[in-house]
Amino acid sequence: MAKSNTDQCLAHNDQFAKGQAVHKPTYAGKQPIQPSKHVAVVACMDARLDVEDLLGLQTGEAHIIRNAGGVVTEDAIRSLIISHHLLGTNEIILIHHTRCGMLAFTDDLLKAGLEGDLAAESLLQKATGRKFAGCDKSTTSPTTFHAFRGKIEPLDAPRDAHNTERLQWDVRRGMSSIKNHPWLPSSGTDAVSVRGFIYDVDSGKLEEVSYPGPMGTFG
């Protein structure tokens, strides 16, 4: 059975984690608008992730969609629908990572801190290790920050079983959102495949997340 482009990216990641560069940073010349590998990646904005490097992707091969957490938000779905139906991508890769900042707060805590709640400001300052300056104003936007489910921990905490499980929960939630969206077909001739991973920022390695499985609790 032929390997998928996602499998090829995983093989490139093995090389990357061993210190072997696959991505070529030089200008690649004129390229078609359609990604040649037919791959779309949703990944976190974290500065420690260079998606092209860790997947061994070249210019013109994939769409890269990034936000805080690599969350499958409404806007990420919007981009994926356009990527698939108009530009021909049919493999989706989701990437979360260890030591993620989305593990260090809840939506309600961050909103309260921004609105000027002193207790919330103190907790956020303790979690981030930097002064948290509330804005003393309330707003309806954004409606959510998509913080990961589970008990919060200090920013950039070392990997353990608990925070790994929290990352797995959110990867599965993202996969479920894509697999069950009516405009991103999971079967038939126009089917889209979805695979999710956790990137270990301390080793450079990608680890696949099984699906289906637990998607978390608030406790």
N, C-alpha and C. Protein backbone atom coordinates (compact mmCIF):
# COMPACT_ATOMS: atom_id res chain seq x y z
N MET A 1 0.83 -1.20 0.00
CA MET A 1 0.00 0.00 0.00
C MET A 1 0.87 1.26 0.00
N ALA A 2 0.55 2.19 -0.88
CA ALA A 2 1.36 3.40 -1.00
C ALA A 2 1.24 4.26 0.25
N LYS A 3 2.34 4.87 0.62
CA LYS A 3 2.33 5.75 1.78
C LYS A 3 1.61 7.06 1.45
N SER A 4 0.88 7.58 2.43
CA SER A 4 0.22 8.87 2.26
C SER A 4 1.26 9.98 2.41
N ASN A 5 0.86 11.18 2.02
CA ASN A 5 1.76 12.33 2.21
C ASN A 5 1.97 12.61 3.70
N THR A 6 0.97 12.29 4.52
CA THR A 6 1.14 12.43 5.97
C THR A 6 2.21 11.48 6.47
N ASP A 7 2.22 10.24 5.96
CA ASP A 7 3.27 9.27 6.33
C ASP A 7 4.65 9.79 5.92
N GLN A 8 4.72 10.40 4.76
CA GLN A 8 6.00 10.96 4.31
C GLN A 8 6.46 12.08 5.24
N CYS A 9 5.51 12.89 5.71
CA CYS A 9 5.85 13.96 6.66
C CYS A 9 6.38 13.37 7.96
N LEU A 10 5.81 12.25 8.40
CA LEU A 10 6.29 11.59 9.61
C LEU A 10 7.70 11.06 9.43
N ALA A 11 7.99 10.52 8.26
CA ALA A 11 9.34 10.06 7.96
C ALA A 11 10.32 11.23 7.98
N HIS A 12 9.90 12.36 7.44
CA HIS A 12 10.73 13.56 7.48
C HIS A 12 10.95 14.02 8.91
N ASN A 13 9.91 13.88 9.75
CA ASN A 13 10.05 14.28 11.15
C ASN A 13 11.09 13.43 11.88
N ASP A 14 11.16 12.14 11.54
CA ASP A 14 12.21 11.29 12.12
C ASP A 14 13.59 11.84 11.80
N GLN A 15 13.77 12.27 10.56
CA GLN A 15 15.05 12.85 10.16
C GLN A 15 15.31 14.17 10.89
N PHE A 16 14.25 14.99 10.98
CA PHE A 16 14.38 16.29 11.65
C PHE A 16 14.80 16.11 13.10
N ALA A 17 14.17 15.17 13.82
CA ALA A 17 14.48 14.95 15.23
C ALA A 17 15.90 14.45 15.43
N LYS A 18 16.49 13.88 14.37
CA LYS A 18 17.88 13.41 14.44
C LYS A 18 18.86 14.49 13.98
N GLY A 19 18.33 15.68 13.69
CA GLY A 19 19.20 16.78 13.29
C GLY A 19 19.46 16.89 11.81
N GLN A 20 18.67 16.15 11.02
CA GLN A 20 18.86 16.17 9.56
C GLN A 20 17.80 17.06 8.92
N ALA A 21 18.21 18.15 8.32
CA ALA A 21 17.28 19.10 7.72
C ALA A 21 16.71 18.55 6.42
N VAL A 22 15.40 18.68 6.26
CA VAL A 22 14.74 18.28 5.01
C VAL A 22 14.19 19.51 4.29
N HIS A 23 13.61 20.43 5.05
CA HIS A 23 13.07 21.65 4.46
C HIS A 23 14.19 22.50 3.87
N LYS A 24 13.96 23.00 2.66
CA LYS A 24 14.92 23.87 1.99
C LYS A 24 14.41 25.31 2.08
N PRO A 25 15.13 26.19 2.76
CA PRO A 25 14.63 27.54 3.02
C PRO A 25 14.79 28.52 1.86
N THR A 26 15.40 28.10 0.78
CA THR A 26 15.63 29.02 -0.33
C THR A 26 14.37 29.19 -1.18
N TYR A 27 14.32 30.29 -1.93
CA TYR A 27 13.18 30.57 -2.81
C TYR A 27 13.03 29.44 -3.83
N ALA A 28 11.80 28.93 -3.92
CA ALA A 28 11.56 27.75 -4.76
C ALA A 28 11.15 28.07 -6.19
N GLY A 29 11.03 29.34 -6.51
CA GLY A 29 10.61 29.71 -7.85
C GLY A 29 9.10 29.69 -8.00
N LYS A 30 8.65 29.85 -9.21
CA LYS A 30 7.21 29.93 -9.49
C LYS A 30 6.51 28.63 -9.10
N GLN A 31 5.37 28.77 -8.40
CA GLN A 31 4.63 27.61 -7.92
C GLN A 31 3.15 27.75 -8.30
N PRO A 32 2.44 26.62 -8.51
CA PRO A 32 0.99 26.69 -8.72
C PRO A 32 0.28 27.05 -7.42
N ILE A 33 -0.95 27.52 -7.50
CA ILE A 33 -1.68 27.92 -6.31
C ILE A 33 -2.10 26.72 -5.46
N GLN A 34 -2.33 25.55 -6.08
CA GLN A 34 -2.73 24.36 -5.34
C GLN A 34 -1.52 23.74 -4.64
N PRO A 35 -1.64 23.41 -3.35
CA PRO A 35 -0.53 22.75 -2.65
C PRO A 35 -0.21 21.39 -3.28
N SER A 36 1.02 21.18 -3.67
CA SER A 36 1.37 20.00 -4.46
C SER A 36 1.26 18.69 -3.67
N LYS A 37 1.36 18.74 -2.34
CA LYS A 37 1.20 17.53 -1.53
C LYS A 37 -0.25 17.32 -1.11
N HIS A 38 -1.12 18.27 -1.43
CA HIS A 38 -2.55 18.17 -1.10
C HIS A 38 -2.76 18.03 0.42
N VAL A 39 -1.91 18.70 1.19
CA VAL A 39 -1.93 18.62 2.65
C VAL A 39 -2.27 19.99 3.24
N ALA A 40 -3.10 19.97 4.30
CA ALA A 40 -3.35 21.17 5.10
C ALA A 40 -2.98 20.85 6.55
N VAL A 41 -2.27 21.77 7.18
CA VAL A 41 -1.80 21.57 8.56
C VAL A 41 -2.43 22.63 9.46
N VAL A 42 -2.98 22.19 10.58
CA VAL A 42 -3.45 23.12 11.62
C VAL A 42 -2.52 22.94 12.81
N ALA A 43 -1.81 24.00 13.18
CA ALA A 43 -0.80 23.89 14.24
C ALA A 43 -0.82 25.12 15.13
N CYS A 44 -0.18 24.98 16.30
CA CYS A 44 -0.09 26.08 17.25
C CYS A 44 0.85 27.17 16.73
N MET A 45 0.63 28.39 17.23
CA MET A 45 1.48 29.52 16.83
C MET A 45 2.79 29.57 17.61
N ASP A 46 3.00 28.66 18.55
CA ASP A 46 4.17 28.67 19.42
C ASP A 46 5.46 28.87 18.62
N ALA A 47 6.33 29.74 19.12
CA ALA A 47 7.56 30.08 18.41
C ALA A 47 8.53 28.91 18.29
N ARG A 48 8.34 27.87 19.10
CA ARG A 48 9.24 26.71 19.06
C ARG A 48 8.87 25.72 17.96
N LEU A 49 7.77 25.97 17.25
CA LEU A 49 7.35 25.09 16.16
C LEU A 49 7.62 25.76 14.82
N ASP A 50 8.49 25.18 14.04
CA ASP A 50 8.64 25.58 12.65
C ASP A 50 8.04 24.45 11.83
N VAL A 51 6.80 24.62 11.41
CA VAL A 51 6.03 23.53 10.82
C VAL A 51 6.71 22.96 9.58
N GLU A 52 7.21 23.82 8.71
CA GLU A 52 7.87 23.34 7.50
C GLU A 52 9.09 22.49 7.85
N ASP A 53 9.84 22.90 8.85
CA ASP A 53 11.03 22.14 9.24
C ASP A 53 10.65 20.79 9.84
N LEU A 54 9.73 20.79 10.81
CA LEU A 54 9.46 19.55 11.53
C LEU A 54 8.70 18.53 10.70
N LEU A 55 8.04 18.98 9.62
CA LEU A 55 7.37 18.05 8.70
C LEU A 55 8.14 17.84 7.40
N GLY A 56 9.22 18.58 7.23
CA GLY A 56 10.01 18.46 6.01
C GLY A 56 9.26 18.93 4.78
N LEU A 57 8.45 19.96 4.93
CA LEU A 57 7.66 20.47 3.81
C LEU A 57 8.42 21.55 3.05
N GLN A 58 8.25 21.55 1.73
CA GLN A 58 8.85 22.58 0.90
C GLN A 58 7.81 23.64 0.54
N THR A 59 8.28 24.78 0.10
CA THR A 59 7.38 25.84 -0.36
C THR A 59 6.47 25.30 -1.47
N GLY A 60 5.18 25.55 -1.33
CA GLY A 60 4.22 25.13 -2.35
C GLY A 60 3.59 23.77 -2.11
N GLU A 61 3.97 23.08 -1.02
CA GLU A 61 3.47 21.72 -0.81
C GLU A 61 2.24 21.63 0.09
N ALA A 62 2.03 22.60 0.98
CA ALA A 62 0.94 22.46 1.96
C ALA A 62 0.42 23.82 2.41
N HIS A 63 -0.83 23.82 2.84
CA HIS A 63 -1.39 24.98 3.54
C HIS A 63 -1.06 24.85 5.02
N ILE A 64 -0.63 25.94 5.64
CA ILE A 64 -0.32 25.96 7.06
C ILE A 64 -1.25 26.95 7.75
N ILE A 65 -2.08 26.45 8.67
CA ILE A 65 -3.03 27.28 9.41
C ILE A 65 -2.60 27.28 10.87
N ARG A 66 -2.34 28.45 11.44
CA ARG A 66 -1.82 28.50 12.81
C ARG A 66 -2.65 29.44 13.68
N ASN A 67 -2.80 29.05 14.93
CA ASN A 67 -3.43 29.91 15.93
C ASN A 67 -2.96 29.47 17.30
N ALA A 68 -3.38 30.16 18.35
CA ALA A 68 -2.99 29.78 19.70
C ALA A 68 -3.57 28.42 20.04
N GLY A 69 -2.70 27.44 20.21
CA GLY A 69 -3.13 26.09 20.56
C GLY A 69 -3.27 25.14 19.39
N GLY A 70 -3.32 25.65 18.16
CA GLY A 70 -3.62 24.77 17.03
C GLY A 70 -5.03 24.23 17.12
N VAL A 71 -5.93 25.08 17.60
CA VAL A 71 -7.31 24.68 17.86
C VAL A 71 -8.13 24.72 16.56
N VAL A 72 -9.03 23.75 16.41
CA VAL A 72 -9.93 23.74 15.25
C VAL A 72 -11.10 24.66 15.56
N THR A 73 -10.88 25.93 15.34
CA THR A 73 -11.88 26.97 15.57
C THR A 73 -12.77 27.11 14.33
N GLU A 74 -13.77 27.97 14.44
CA GLU A 74 -14.62 28.26 13.28
C GLU A 74 -13.79 28.80 12.12
N ASP A 75 -12.80 29.63 12.42
CA ASP A 75 -11.99 30.19 11.34
C ASP A 75 -11.08 29.13 10.72
N ALA A 76 -10.58 28.21 11.56
CA ALA A 76 -9.78 27.10 11.01
C ALA A 76 -10.63 26.23 10.09
N ILE A 77 -11.86 25.95 10.49
CA ILE A 77 -12.77 25.20 9.64
C ILE A 77 -13.02 25.93 8.33
N ARG A 78 -13.23 27.24 8.41
CA ARG A 78 -13.42 28.06 7.21
C ARG A 78 -12.25 27.88 6.25
N SER A 79 -11.05 27.95 6.79
CA SER A 79 -9.86 27.80 5.95
C SER A 79 -9.75 26.40 5.37
N LEU A 80 -10.08 25.39 6.18
CA LEU A 80 -9.99 24.01 5.69
C LEU A 80 -11.00 23.73 4.59
N ILE A 81 -12.20 24.28 4.70
CA ILE A 81 -13.20 24.10 3.65
C ILE A 81 -12.72 24.70 2.32
N ILE A 82 -12.18 25.91 2.39
CA ILE A 82 -11.64 26.55 1.19
C ILE A 82 -10.44 25.76 0.66
N SER A 83 -9.57 25.32 1.57
CA SER A 83 -8.38 24.56 1.19
C SER A 83 -8.77 23.29 0.44
N HIS A 84 -9.78 22.59 0.95
CA HIS A 84 -10.18 21.33 0.34
C HIS A 84 -10.97 21.52 -0.95
N HIS A 85 -12.07 22.27 -0.85
CA HIS A 85 -13.00 22.33 -1.98
C HIS A 85 -12.52 23.19 -3.15
N LEU A 86 -11.71 24.20 -2.87
CA LEU A 86 -11.26 25.08 -3.95
C LEU A 86 -9.81 24.82 -4.37
N LEU A 87 -9.00 24.26 -3.46
CA LEU A 87 -7.58 24.13 -3.76
C LEU A 87 -7.05 22.71 -3.64
N GLY A 88 -7.95 21.74 -3.45
CA GLY A 88 -7.60 20.35 -3.68
C GLY A 88 -6.87 19.61 -2.58
N THR A 89 -6.79 20.13 -1.35
CA THR A 89 -6.15 19.36 -0.28
C THR A 89 -7.08 18.25 0.19
N ASN A 90 -6.51 17.11 0.54
CA ASN A 90 -7.33 15.99 1.01
C ASN A 90 -6.74 15.25 2.20
N GLU A 91 -5.64 15.78 2.75
CA GLU A 91 -5.09 15.24 3.99
C GLU A 91 -4.91 16.39 4.97
N ILE A 92 -5.43 16.21 6.19
CA ILE A 92 -5.33 17.24 7.22
C ILE A 92 -4.51 16.71 8.38
N ILE A 93 -3.54 17.50 8.81
CA ILE A 93 -2.67 17.15 9.93
C ILE A 93 -2.90 18.17 11.05
N LEU A 94 -3.26 17.69 12.24
CA LEU A 94 -3.42 18.56 13.41
C LEU A 94 -2.20 18.38 14.31
N ILE A 95 -1.63 19.50 14.78
CA ILE A 95 -0.45 19.42 15.64
C ILE A 95 -0.63 20.28 16.89
N HIS A 96 -0.68 19.62 18.06
CA HIS A 96 -0.53 20.28 19.36
C HIS A 96 0.90 20.01 19.83
N HIS A 97 1.28 20.55 20.97
CA HIS A 97 2.65 20.33 21.41
C HIS A 97 2.76 20.40 22.93
N THR A 98 3.83 19.81 23.44
CA THR A 98 4.09 19.84 24.88
C THR A 98 4.45 21.26 25.32
N ARG A 99 4.31 21.50 26.64
CA ARG A 99 4.63 22.80 27.26
C ARG A 99 3.79 23.93 26.66
N CYS A 100 2.59 23.62 26.22
CA CYS A 100 1.75 24.63 25.55
C CYS A 100 1.14 25.61 26.55
N GLY A 101 1.11 26.87 26.17
CA GLY A 101 0.53 27.90 27.02
C GLY A 101 -0.96 27.74 27.25
N MET A 102 -1.64 27.00 26.37
CA MET A 102 -3.08 26.80 26.51
C MET A 102 -3.42 25.90 27.69
N LEU A 103 -2.41 25.31 28.31
CA LEU A 103 -2.61 24.48 29.49
C LEU A 103 -2.58 25.29 30.79
N ALA A 104 -2.26 26.59 30.69
CA ALA A 104 -1.97 27.39 31.88
C ALA A 104 -3.11 28.31 32.32
N PHE A 105 -4.28 28.21 31.70
CA PHE A 105 -5.38 29.09 32.08
C PHE A 105 -6.70 28.47 31.68
N THR A 106 -7.78 29.07 32.14
CA THR A 106 -9.11 28.74 31.65
C THR A 106 -9.68 29.99 30.99
N ASP A 107 -10.70 29.81 30.19
CA ASP A 107 -11.32 30.97 29.54
C ASP A 107 -11.84 31.97 30.57
N ASP A 108 -12.55 31.48 31.59
CA ASP A 108 -13.13 32.37 32.60
C ASP A 108 -12.04 33.11 33.37
N LEU A 109 -10.93 32.42 33.67
CA LEU A 109 -9.84 33.06 34.41
C LEU A 109 -9.23 34.19 33.59
N LEU A 110 -8.95 33.95 32.32
CA LEU A 110 -8.35 34.98 31.48
C LEU A 110 -9.30 36.16 31.28
N LYS A 111 -10.58 35.87 31.04
CA LYS A 111 -11.55 36.96 30.88
C LYS A 111 -11.63 37.80 32.14
N ALA A 112 -11.68 37.15 33.31
CA ALA A 112 -11.76 37.89 34.57
C ALA A 112 -10.53 38.76 34.77
N GLY A 113 -9.36 38.22 34.44
CA GLY A 113 -8.13 39.00 34.57
C GLY A 113 -8.12 40.20 33.66
N LEU A 114 -8.56 40.03 32.44
CA LEU A 114 -8.60 41.15 31.48
C LEU A 114 -9.61 42.21 31.91
N GLU A 115 -10.66 41.77 32.59
CA GLU A 115 -11.68 42.72 33.06
C GLU A 115 -11.28 43.41 34.36
N GLY A 116 -10.13 43.02 34.92
CA GLY A 116 -9.61 43.73 36.09
C GLY A 116 -9.79 43.04 37.42
N ASP A 117 -10.20 41.78 37.43
CA ASP A 117 -10.34 41.06 38.68
C ASP A 117 -8.95 40.80 39.27
N LEU A 118 -8.70 41.31 40.49
CA LEU A 118 -7.36 41.26 41.07
C LEU A 118 -6.93 39.83 41.39
N ALA A 119 -7.85 39.01 41.85
CA ALA A 119 -7.51 37.62 42.16
C ALA A 119 -7.10 36.87 40.90
N ALA A 120 -7.85 37.11 39.82
CA ALA A 120 -7.52 36.48 38.54
C ALA A 120 -6.17 36.98 38.02
N GLU A 121 -5.94 38.28 38.14
CA GLU A 121 -4.66 38.84 37.71
C GLU A 121 -3.51 38.18 38.45
N SER A 122 -3.68 37.97 39.76
CA SER A 122 -2.63 37.36 40.57
C SER A 122 -2.36 35.92 40.13
N LEU A 123 -3.41 35.15 39.86
CA LEU A 123 -3.25 33.77 39.42
C LEU A 123 -2.56 33.70 38.06
N LEU A 124 -2.94 34.61 37.15
CA LEU A 124 -2.34 34.62 35.83
C LEU A 124 -0.88 35.05 35.89
N GLN A 125 -0.57 35.98 36.78
CA GLN A 125 0.81 36.41 36.96
C GLN A 125 1.65 35.25 37.49
N LYS A 126 1.08 34.49 38.43
CA LYS A 126 1.79 33.35 38.99
C LYS A 126 2.00 32.27 37.92
N ALA A 127 1.00 32.06 37.07
CA ALA A 127 1.09 31.02 36.04
C ALA A 127 2.10 31.37 34.96
N THR A 128 2.16 32.66 34.58
CA THR A 128 3.00 33.06 33.46
C THR A 128 4.39 33.53 33.86
N GLY A 129 4.56 33.91 35.13
CA GLY A 129 5.85 34.43 35.57
C GLY A 129 6.13 35.83 35.09
N ARG A 130 5.11 36.54 34.63
CA ARG A 130 5.27 37.93 34.20
C ARG A 130 4.10 38.74 34.73
N LYS A 131 4.30 40.06 34.86
CA LYS A 131 3.23 40.91 35.35
C LYS A 131 2.04 40.86 34.40
N PHE A 132 0.87 40.59 34.96
CA PHE A 132 -0.34 40.57 34.15
C PHE A 132 -1.08 41.88 34.37
N ALA A 133 -1.26 42.64 33.31
CA ALA A 133 -1.92 43.95 33.41
C ALA A 133 -3.33 43.85 32.85
N GLY A 134 -4.33 43.83 33.72
CA GLY A 134 -5.72 43.81 33.26
C GLY A 134 -6.09 45.10 32.55
N CYS A 135 -7.13 45.03 31.74
CA CYS A 135 -7.55 46.20 30.95
C CYS A 135 -8.73 46.93 31.58
N ASP A 136 -9.33 46.33 32.62
CA ASP A 136 -10.47 46.94 33.33
C ASP A 136 -11.64 47.26 32.40
N LYS A 137 -11.79 46.45 31.37
CA LYS A 137 -12.89 46.65 30.42
C LYS A 137 -13.46 45.29 30.03
N SER A 138 -14.75 45.28 29.74
CA SER A 138 -15.40 44.06 29.29
C SER A 138 -15.76 44.18 27.81
N THR A 139 -15.76 43.04 27.11
CA THR A 139 -16.10 43.02 25.69
C THR A 139 -16.71 41.68 25.33
N THR A 140 -17.45 41.64 24.26
CA THR A 140 -18.08 40.39 23.82
C THR A 140 -17.19 39.60 22.86
N SER A 141 -16.05 40.16 22.49
CA SER A 141 -15.18 39.51 21.51
C SER A 141 -13.74 39.44 22.04
N PRO A 142 -13.07 38.30 21.94
CA PRO A 142 -13.55 37.02 21.41
C PRO A 142 -14.50 36.33 22.38
N THR A 143 -15.38 35.53 21.83
CA THR A 143 -16.34 34.83 22.69
C THR A 143 -15.68 33.72 23.49
N THR A 144 -14.59 33.17 22.97
CA THR A 144 -13.87 32.11 23.68
C THR A 144 -12.39 32.16 23.32
N PHE A 145 -11.55 31.70 24.27
CA PHE A 145 -10.11 31.59 24.02
C PHE A 145 -9.69 30.14 23.75
N HIS A 146 -10.62 29.19 23.89
CA HIS A 146 -10.37 27.78 23.60
C HIS A 146 -9.27 27.18 24.47
N ALA A 147 -9.20 27.60 25.74
CA ALA A 147 -8.25 26.97 26.66
C ALA A 147 -8.54 25.48 26.75
N PHE A 148 -7.50 24.68 26.96
CA PHE A 148 -7.66 23.23 26.99
C PHE A 148 -8.34 22.79 28.28
N ARG A 149 -9.14 21.75 28.19
CA ARG A 149 -9.86 21.22 29.35
C ARG A 149 -8.89 20.60 30.37
N GLY A 150 -9.34 20.61 31.64
CA GLY A 150 -8.56 19.97 32.69
C GLY A 150 -7.96 20.98 33.66
N LYS A 151 -7.33 20.48 34.70
CA LYS A 151 -6.74 21.30 35.75
C LYS A 151 -5.55 22.07 35.20
N ILE A 152 -5.54 23.40 35.42
CA ILE A 152 -4.48 24.23 34.85
C ILE A 152 -3.16 24.01 35.59
N GLU A 153 -2.07 24.41 34.94
CA GLU A 153 -0.73 24.24 35.49
C GLU A 153 0.12 25.45 35.13
N PRO A 154 1.30 25.60 35.74
CA PRO A 154 2.16 26.74 35.40
C PRO A 154 2.55 26.73 33.93
N LEU A 155 2.78 27.91 33.39
CA LEU A 155 3.21 28.04 32.00
C LEU A 155 4.51 27.30 31.76
N ASP A 156 4.59 26.58 30.64
CA ASP A 156 5.80 25.88 30.20
C ASP A 156 6.20 24.76 31.18
N ALA A 157 5.22 24.15 31.84
CA ALA A 157 5.52 23.05 32.76
C ALA A 157 6.05 21.84 31.99
N PRO A 158 7.00 21.11 32.58
CA PRO A 158 7.53 19.91 31.91
C PRO A 158 6.43 18.90 31.63
N ARG A 159 6.66 18.09 30.65
CA ARG A 159 5.67 17.10 30.25
C ARG A 159 5.45 16.05 31.34
N ASP A 160 4.19 15.69 31.55
CA ASP A 160 3.86 14.57 32.42
C ASP A 160 2.60 13.90 31.87
N ALA A 161 2.15 12.85 32.54
CA ALA A 161 1.00 12.09 32.04
C ALA A 161 -0.26 12.94 32.00
N HIS A 162 -0.42 13.83 32.99
CA HIS A 162 -1.64 14.64 33.07
C HIS A 162 -1.72 15.63 31.91
N ASN A 163 -0.66 16.41 31.69
CA ASN A 163 -0.77 17.41 30.62
C ASN A 163 -0.74 16.76 29.23
N THR A 164 -0.09 15.60 29.11
CA THR A 164 -0.14 14.88 27.84
C THR A 164 -1.58 14.45 27.54
N GLU A 165 -2.28 13.96 28.56
CA GLU A 165 -3.67 13.57 28.37
C GLU A 165 -4.53 14.76 27.97
N ARG A 166 -4.29 15.92 28.57
CA ARG A 166 -5.05 17.12 28.22
C ARG A 166 -4.82 17.50 26.76
N LEU A 167 -3.59 17.37 26.28
CA LEU A 167 -3.29 17.64 24.87
C LEU A 167 -4.01 16.64 23.97
N GLN A 168 -3.99 15.37 24.35
CA GLN A 168 -4.67 14.35 23.56
C GLN A 168 -6.17 14.64 23.47
N TRP A 169 -6.76 15.05 24.58
CA TRP A 169 -8.18 15.39 24.57
C TRP A 169 -8.49 16.43 23.50
N ASP A 170 -7.68 17.49 23.46
CA ASP A 170 -7.99 18.58 22.54
C ASP A 170 -7.70 18.20 21.09
N VAL A 171 -6.67 17.39 20.86
CA VAL A 171 -6.42 16.91 19.51
C VAL A 171 -7.63 16.12 19.02
N ARG A 172 -8.15 15.25 19.87
CA ARG A 172 -9.32 14.44 19.47
C ARG A 172 -10.55 15.33 19.24
N ARG A 173 -10.71 16.35 20.03
CA ARG A 173 -11.84 17.26 19.82
C ARG A 173 -11.72 17.93 18.45
N GLY A 174 -10.50 18.33 18.09
CA GLY A 174 -10.28 18.93 16.78
C GLY A 174 -10.55 17.95 15.66
N MET A 175 -10.09 16.72 15.82
CA MET A 175 -10.33 15.70 14.81
C MET A 175 -11.83 15.45 14.65
N SER A 176 -12.53 15.39 15.79
CA SER A 176 -13.97 15.16 15.75
C SER A 176 -14.69 16.29 15.03
N SER A 177 -14.27 17.53 15.29
CA SER A 177 -14.90 18.69 14.65
C SER A 177 -14.77 18.62 13.13
N ILE A 178 -13.62 18.15 12.66
CA ILE A 178 -13.40 18.04 11.21
C ILE A 178 -14.15 16.84 10.64
N LYS A 179 -14.00 15.70 11.30
CA LYS A 179 -14.61 14.48 10.78
C LYS A 179 -16.14 14.56 10.72
N ASN A 180 -16.73 15.36 11.59
CA ASN A 180 -18.19 15.44 11.64
C ASN A 180 -18.76 16.70 11.00
N HIS A 181 -17.89 17.48 10.35
CA HIS A 181 -18.41 18.68 9.69
C HIS A 181 -19.03 18.30 8.34
N PRO A 182 -20.24 18.76 8.06
CA PRO A 182 -20.93 18.34 6.83
C PRO A 182 -20.24 18.78 5.55
N TRP A 183 -19.37 19.78 5.62
CA TRP A 183 -18.71 20.27 4.42
C TRP A 183 -17.27 19.77 4.28
N LEU A 184 -16.87 18.87 5.16
CA LEU A 184 -15.57 18.23 5.04
C LEU A 184 -15.80 16.71 5.03
N PRO A 185 -16.08 16.14 3.86
CA PRO A 185 -16.51 14.74 3.75
C PRO A 185 -15.46 13.76 4.26
N SER A 186 -15.91 12.77 5.03
CA SER A 186 -15.01 11.74 5.55
C SER A 186 -15.13 10.43 4.79
N SER A 187 -15.99 10.39 3.77
CA SER A 187 -16.13 9.19 2.95
C SER A 187 -16.46 9.59 1.52
N GLY A 188 -16.38 8.62 0.61
CA GLY A 188 -16.67 8.90 -0.79
C GLY A 188 -15.43 9.31 -1.56
N THR A 189 -15.62 9.66 -2.82
CA THR A 189 -14.49 9.98 -3.70
C THR A 189 -13.80 11.29 -3.33
N ASP A 190 -14.50 12.16 -2.59
CA ASP A 190 -13.91 13.45 -2.21
C ASP A 190 -13.56 13.49 -0.73
N ALA A 191 -13.29 12.32 -0.15
CA ALA A 191 -13.05 12.23 1.30
C ALA A 191 -11.77 12.94 1.72
N VAL A 192 -11.80 13.46 2.93
CA VAL A 192 -10.65 14.10 3.57
C VAL A 192 -10.18 13.21 4.72
N SER A 193 -8.88 12.94 4.79
CA SER A 193 -8.34 12.19 5.92
C SER A 193 -7.84 13.16 6.99
N VAL A 194 -7.93 12.76 8.24
CA VAL A 194 -7.51 13.61 9.36
C VAL A 194 -6.68 12.78 10.34
N ARG A 195 -5.50 13.27 10.67
CA ARG A 195 -4.66 12.62 11.69
C ARG A 195 -4.12 13.68 12.62
N GLY A 196 -4.04 13.32 13.91
CA GLY A 196 -3.61 14.29 14.91
C GLY A 196 -2.36 13.85 15.65
N PHE A 197 -1.56 14.85 16.08
CA PHE A 197 -0.27 14.56 16.69
C PHE A 197 0.05 15.52 17.83
N ILE A 198 0.93 15.07 18.71
CA ILE A 198 1.55 15.94 19.72
C ILE A 198 3.02 16.05 19.37
N TYR A 199 3.51 17.27 19.27
CA TYR A 199 4.92 17.53 18.99
C TYR A 199 5.62 17.78 20.31
N ASP A 200 6.67 17.03 20.59
CA ASP A 200 7.44 17.21 21.81
C ASP A 200 8.52 18.26 21.55
N VAL A 201 8.37 19.42 22.18
CA VAL A 201 9.31 20.51 21.90
C VAL A 201 10.71 20.22 22.45
N ASP A 202 10.83 19.22 23.35
CA ASP A 202 12.14 18.89 23.91
C ASP A 202 12.87 17.82 23.11
N SER A 203 12.15 17.09 22.25
CA SER A 203 12.80 16.04 21.46
C SER A 203 12.70 16.26 19.95
N GLY A 204 11.75 17.10 19.53
CA GLY A 204 11.55 17.33 18.10
C GLY A 204 10.71 16.27 17.43
N LYS A 205 10.13 15.36 18.22
CA LYS A 205 9.40 14.22 17.65
C LYS A 205 7.88 14.42 17.69
N LEU A 206 7.22 13.92 16.66
CA LEU A 206 5.76 13.88 16.61
C LEU A 206 5.27 12.53 17.12
N GLU A 207 4.18 12.56 17.90
CA GLU A 207 3.57 11.34 18.41
C GLU A 207 2.10 11.35 18.02
N GLU A 208 1.64 10.30 17.37
CA GLU A 208 0.26 10.27 16.88
C GLU A 208 -0.72 10.04 18.03
N VAL A 209 -1.87 10.72 17.93
CA VAL A 209 -2.95 10.58 18.90
C VAL A 209 -4.02 9.67 18.31
N SER A 210 -4.41 8.65 19.07
CA SER A 210 -5.43 7.72 18.60
C SER A 210 -6.80 8.39 18.54
N TYR A 211 -7.64 7.91 17.65
CA TYR A 211 -9.00 8.40 17.53
C TYR A 211 -9.88 7.25 17.06
N PRO A 212 -11.09 7.11 17.65
CA PRO A 212 -11.68 7.94 18.69
C PRO A 212 -11.10 7.66 20.06
N GLY A 213 -11.51 8.45 21.05
CA GLY A 213 -11.04 8.29 22.41
C GLY A 213 -11.57 9.41 23.29
N PRO A 214 -11.14 9.47 24.55
CA PRO A 214 -11.62 10.49 25.49
C PRO A 214 -11.34 11.91 25.00
N MET A 215 -12.29 12.80 25.25
CA MET A 215 -12.12 14.21 24.84
C MET A 215 -12.21 15.17 26.02
N GLY A 216 -12.13 14.63 27.24
CA GLY A 216 -11.92 15.48 28.40
C GLY A 216 -13.14 15.78 29.24
N THR A 217 -12.83 16.25 30.46
CA THR A 217 -13.83 16.68 31.42
C THR A 217 -13.41 18.04 31.96
N PHE A 218 -14.30 18.67 32.68
CA PHE A 218 -14.00 19.97 33.28
C PHE A 218 -13.32 19.82 34.64
N GLY A 219 -13.31 18.59 35.18
CA GLY A 219 -12.75 18.37 36.51
C GLY A 219 -11.23 18.36 36.52
